[in-house]
Amino acid sequence: MNTRTLALALAAGLATFLAVGAAVTEVALRWIEFSLFVGLPVGAVAGVTAGALVVLGGGDEASDRQRAVGVAVGAFGVAFLLAFAVAVGAFSVPNSRALTLSTVVALGAAAGANALDLAGIASSTG
């Protein structure tokens, strides 16, 4: 495991925590008055899970499929955080719209990273 894997795991965990925590909080707001107390733990569990996927995919014993999942989840995290920072910091987009925009951008980045990684695997195996 190297610093790149740890940085990707941290980015993926933080991005997943923010996205899932905000989504669950907003969905539960209709039925639960203090929905933040539901959204934060769910986001934390999702963030730890995403970080673990990246770490396991970056290990030496990881299969090609595990590596592809780790790369895709790591790309999601980095793209989400960058898109969110640019949307809020540079363009002053409201947080709710910035979260949605960042999620869409990050899903595209994860799909692209997964496709590139799978294409590399397919070309190396023949």
C-alpha atoms as a PDB file:
ATOM      1  CA  MET A   1       0.000   0.000   0.000  1.00  0.00           C
ATOM      2  CA  ASN A   2       1.338   3.422  -0.910  1.00  0.00           C
ATOM      3  CA  THR A   3       0.402   7.041  -0.289  1.00  0.00           C
ATOM      4  CA  ARG A   4      -1.565   7.225  -3.552  1.00  0.00           C
ATOM      5  CA  THR A   5      -3.869   4.432  -2.384  1.00  0.00           C
ATOM      6  CA  LEU A   6      -4.330   6.059   1.008  1.00  0.00           C
ATOM      7  CA  ALA A   7      -5.070   9.458  -0.572  1.00  0.00           C
ATOM      8  CA  LEU A   8      -7.619   7.889  -2.922  1.00  0.00           C
ATOM      9  CA  ALA A   9      -9.198   6.028  -0.003  1.00  0.00           C
ATOM     10  CA  LEU A  10      -9.447   9.223   2.027  1.00  0.00           C
ATOM     11  CA  ALA A  11     -10.961  11.144  -0.901  1.00  0.00           C
ATOM     12  CA  ALA A  12     -13.420   8.346  -1.650  1.00  0.00           C
ATOM     13  CA  GLY A  13     -14.441   8.041   1.991  1.00  0.00           C
ATOM     14  CA  LEU A  14     -14.953  11.774   2.453  1.00  0.00           C
ATOM     15  CA  ALA A  15     -16.857  12.180  -0.813  1.00  0.00           C
ATOM     16  CA  THR A  16     -19.097   9.206  -0.094  1.00  0.00           C
ATOM     17  CA  PHE A  17     -19.722  10.447   3.437  1.00  0.00           C
ATOM     18  CA  LEU A  18     -20.793  13.854   2.122  1.00  0.00           C
ATOM     19  CA  ALA A  19     -22.956  12.538  -0.716  1.00  0.00           C
ATOM     20  CA  VAL A  20     -24.693   9.738   1.192  1.00  0.00           C
ATOM     21  CA  GLY A  21     -25.019  11.720   4.416  1.00  0.00           C
ATOM     22  CA  ALA A  22     -26.646  14.664   2.656  1.00  0.00           C
ATOM     23  CA  ALA A  23     -28.920  12.438   0.578  1.00  0.00           C
ATOM     24  CA  VAL A  24     -30.159  10.406   3.550  1.00  0.00           C
ATOM     25  CA  THR A  25     -30.619  13.549   5.645  1.00  0.00           C
ATOM     26  CA  GLU A  26     -32.736  15.191   2.941  1.00  0.00           C
ATOM     27  CA  VAL A  27     -34.819  12.087   2.263  1.00  0.00           C
ATOM     28  CA  ALA A  28     -35.480  11.448   5.970  1.00  0.00           C
ATOM     29  CA  LEU A  29     -36.305  15.110   6.650  1.00  0.00           C
ATOM     30  CA  ARG A  30     -39.917  14.521   5.696  1.00  0.00           C
ATOM     31  CA  TRP A  31     -40.478  11.888   8.397  1.00  0.00           C
ATOM     32  CA  ILE A  32     -37.805  12.544  11.032  1.00  0.00           C
ATOM     33  CA  GLU A  33     -37.396  15.951  12.618  1.00  0.00           C
ATOM     34  CA  PHE A  34     -33.710  15.559  13.412  1.00  0.00           C
ATOM     35  CA  SER A  35     -32.832  13.651  10.250  1.00  0.00           C
ATOM     36  CA  LEU A  36     -29.198  14.705  10.546  1.00  0.00           C
ATOM     37  CA  PHE A  37     -28.829  12.126  13.321  1.00  0.00           C
ATOM     38  CA  VAL A  38     -29.800   9.463  10.780  1.00  0.00           C
ATOM     39  CA  GLY A  39     -27.842  10.852   7.825  1.00  0.00           C
ATOM     40  CA  LEU A  40     -24.493  11.244   9.596  1.00  0.00           C
ATOM     41  CA  PRO A  41     -24.114   7.621  10.770  1.00  0.00           C
ATOM     42  CA  VAL A  42     -25.320   6.239   7.440  1.00  0.00           C
ATOM     43  CA  GLY A  43     -22.889   8.532   5.608  1.00  0.00           C
ATOM     44  CA  ALA A  44     -20.064   7.504   7.945  1.00  0.00           C
ATOM     45  CA  VAL A  45     -20.678   3.799   7.309  1.00  0.00           C
ATOM     46  CA  ALA A  46     -20.837   4.401   3.549  1.00  0.00           C
ATOM     47  CA  GLY A  47     -17.636   6.476   3.679  1.00  0.00           C
ATOM     48  CA  VAL A  48     -15.718   3.835   5.608  1.00  0.00           C
ATOM     49  CA  THR A  49     -16.976   1.181   3.191  1.00  0.00           C
ATOM     50  CA  ALA A  50     -15.841   3.212   0.165  1.00  0.00           C
ATOM     51  CA  GLY A  51     -12.421   3.801   1.731  1.00  0.00           C
ATOM     52  CA  ALA A  52     -12.073   0.101   2.473  1.00  0.00           C
ATOM     53  CA  LEU A  53     -12.937  -0.770  -1.136  1.00  0.00           C
ATOM     54  CA  VAL A  54     -10.156   1.495  -2.384  1.00  0.00           C
ATOM     55  CA  VAL A  55      -7.619   0.086   0.081  1.00  0.00           C
ATOM     56  CA  LEU A  56      -8.535  -3.506  -0.773  1.00  0.00           C
ATOM     57  CA  GLY A  57      -8.392  -2.728  -4.490  1.00  0.00           C
ATOM     58  CA  GLY A  58      -4.958  -1.162  -4.108  1.00  0.00           C
ATOM     59  CA  GLY A  59      -3.432  -4.124  -2.314  1.00  0.00           C
ATOM     60  CA  ASP A  60      -0.813  -6.401  -3.803  1.00  0.00           C
ATOM     61  CA  GLU A  61      -3.074  -9.460  -3.694  1.00  0.00           C
ATOM     62  CA  ALA A  62      -6.033  -7.723  -5.357  1.00  0.00           C
ATOM     63  CA  SER A  63      -7.590  -9.323  -8.415  1.00  0.00           C
ATOM     64  CA  ASP A  64      -8.170  -7.333 -11.592  1.00  0.00           C
ATOM     65  CA  ARG A  65     -11.844  -6.848 -10.717  1.00  0.00           C
ATOM     66  CA  GLN A  66     -11.023  -5.609  -7.196  1.00  0.00           C
ATOM     67  CA  ARG A  67      -8.453  -3.239  -8.640  1.00  0.00           C
ATOM     68  CA  ALA A  68     -11.001  -1.897 -11.150  1.00  0.00           C
ATOM     69  CA  VAL A  69     -13.546  -1.276  -8.380  1.00  0.00           C
ATOM     70  CA  GLY A  70     -10.925   0.437  -6.226  1.00  0.00           C
ATOM     71  CA  VAL A  71      -9.860   2.715  -9.086  1.00  0.00           C
ATOM     72  CA  ALA A  72     -13.476   3.606  -9.915  1.00  0.00           C
ATOM     73  CA  VAL A  73     -14.379   4.410  -6.304  1.00  0.00           C
ATOM     74  CA  GLY A  74     -11.186   6.439  -5.876  1.00  0.00           C
ATOM     75  CA  ALA A  75     -11.901   8.365  -9.083  1.00  0.00           C
ATOM     76  CA  PHE A  76     -15.401   9.064  -7.799  1.00  0.00           C
ATOM     77  CA  GLY A  77     -13.987  10.542  -4.607  1.00  0.00           C
ATOM     78  CA  VAL A  78     -11.425  12.783  -6.264  1.00  0.00           C
ATOM     79  CA  ALA A  79     -13.833  13.996  -8.961  1.00  0.00           C
ATOM     80  CA  PHE A  80     -16.587  14.659  -6.418  1.00  0.00           C
ATOM     81  CA  LEU A  81     -14.366  16.703  -4.129  1.00  0.00           C
ATOM     82  CA  LEU A  82     -12.855  18.703  -7.000  1.00  0.00           C
ATOM     83  CA  ALA A  83     -16.240  19.401  -8.623  1.00  0.00           C
ATOM     84  CA  PHE A  84     -17.760  20.382  -5.271  1.00  0.00           C
ATOM     85  CA  ALA A  85     -14.870  22.713  -4.424  1.00  0.00           C
ATOM     86  CA  VAL A  86     -15.014  24.395  -7.828  1.00  0.00           C
ATOM     87  CA  ALA A  87     -18.813  24.710  -7.821  1.00  0.00           C
ATOM     88  CA  VAL A  88     -18.984  26.224  -4.344  1.00  0.00           C
ATOM     89  CA  GLY A  89     -15.686  28.090  -4.248  1.00  0.00           C
ATOM     90  CA  ALA A  90     -15.388  29.488  -7.748  1.00  0.00           C
ATOM     91  CA  PHE A  91     -19.001  29.782  -8.881  1.00  0.00           C
ATOM     92  CA  SER A  92     -20.853  30.219  -5.553  1.00  0.00           C
ATOM     93  CA  VAL A  93     -23.372  27.525  -6.420  1.00  0.00           C
ATOM     94  CA  PRO A  94     -25.721  26.700  -3.503  1.00  0.00           C
ATOM     95  CA  ASN A  95     -24.670  23.582  -1.601  1.00  0.00           C
ATOM     96  CA  SER A  96     -27.698  21.500  -2.582  1.00  0.00           C
ATOM     97  CA  ARG A  97     -27.106  22.095  -6.287  1.00  0.00           C
ATOM     98  CA  ALA A  98     -23.355  21.677  -5.905  1.00  0.00           C
ATOM     99  CA  LEU A  99     -23.861  18.261  -4.282  1.00  0.00           C
ATOM    100  CA  THR A 100     -26.068  17.140  -7.157  1.00  0.00           C
ATOM    101  CA  LEU A 101     -23.710  18.491  -9.794  1.00  0.00           C
ATOM    102  CA  SER A 102     -20.678  16.976  -8.080  1.00  0.00           C
ATOM    103  CA  THR A 103     -22.360  13.579  -7.828  1.00  0.00           C
ATOM    104  CA  VAL A 104     -23.187  13.560 -11.547  1.00  0.00           C
ATOM    105  CA  VAL A 105     -19.635  14.611 -12.480  1.00  0.00           C
ATOM    106  CA  ALA A 106     -18.125  12.047 -10.112  1.00  0.00           C
ATOM    107  CA  LEU A 107     -20.304   9.209 -11.419  1.00  0.00           C
ATOM    108  CA  GLY A 108     -19.140  10.035 -14.935  1.00  0.00           C
ATOM    109  CA  ALA A 109     -15.515  10.062 -13.806  1.00  0.00           C
ATOM    110  CA  ALA A 110     -15.936   6.731 -12.016  1.00  0.00           C
ATOM    111  CA  ALA A 111     -17.553   5.158 -15.073  1.00  0.00           C
ATOM    112  CA  GLY A 112     -14.767   6.490 -17.290  1.00  0.00           C
ATOM    113  CA  ALA A 113     -12.041   5.269 -14.954  1.00  0.00           C
ATOM    114  CA  ASN A 114     -13.685   1.860 -14.748  1.00  0.00           C
ATOM    115  CA  ALA A 115     -13.983   1.622 -18.526  1.00  0.00           C
ATOM    116  CA  LEU A 116     -10.350   2.614 -19.041  1.00  0.00           C
ATOM    117  CA  ASP A 117      -9.173   0.191 -16.384  1.00  0.00           C
ATOM    118  CA  LEU A 118     -11.219  -2.672 -17.827  1.00  0.00           C
ATOM    119  CA  ALA A 119      -9.952  -1.873 -21.333  1.00  0.00           C
ATOM    120  CA  GLY A 120      -6.384  -2.036 -20.011  1.00  0.00           C
ATOM    121  CA  ILE A 121      -7.097  -5.371 -18.353  1.00  0.00           C
ATOM    122  CA  ALA A 122      -8.670  -6.770 -21.521  1.00  0.00           C
ATOM    123  CA  SER A 123      -5.741  -5.655 -23.696  1.00  0.00           C
ATOM    124  CA  SER A 124      -3.148  -7.101 -21.313  1.00  0.00           C
ATOM    125  CA  THR A 125      -4.867 -10.494 -21.067  1.00  0.00           C
ATOM    126  CA  GLY A 126      -5.200 -10.861 -24.792  1.00  0.00           C
END
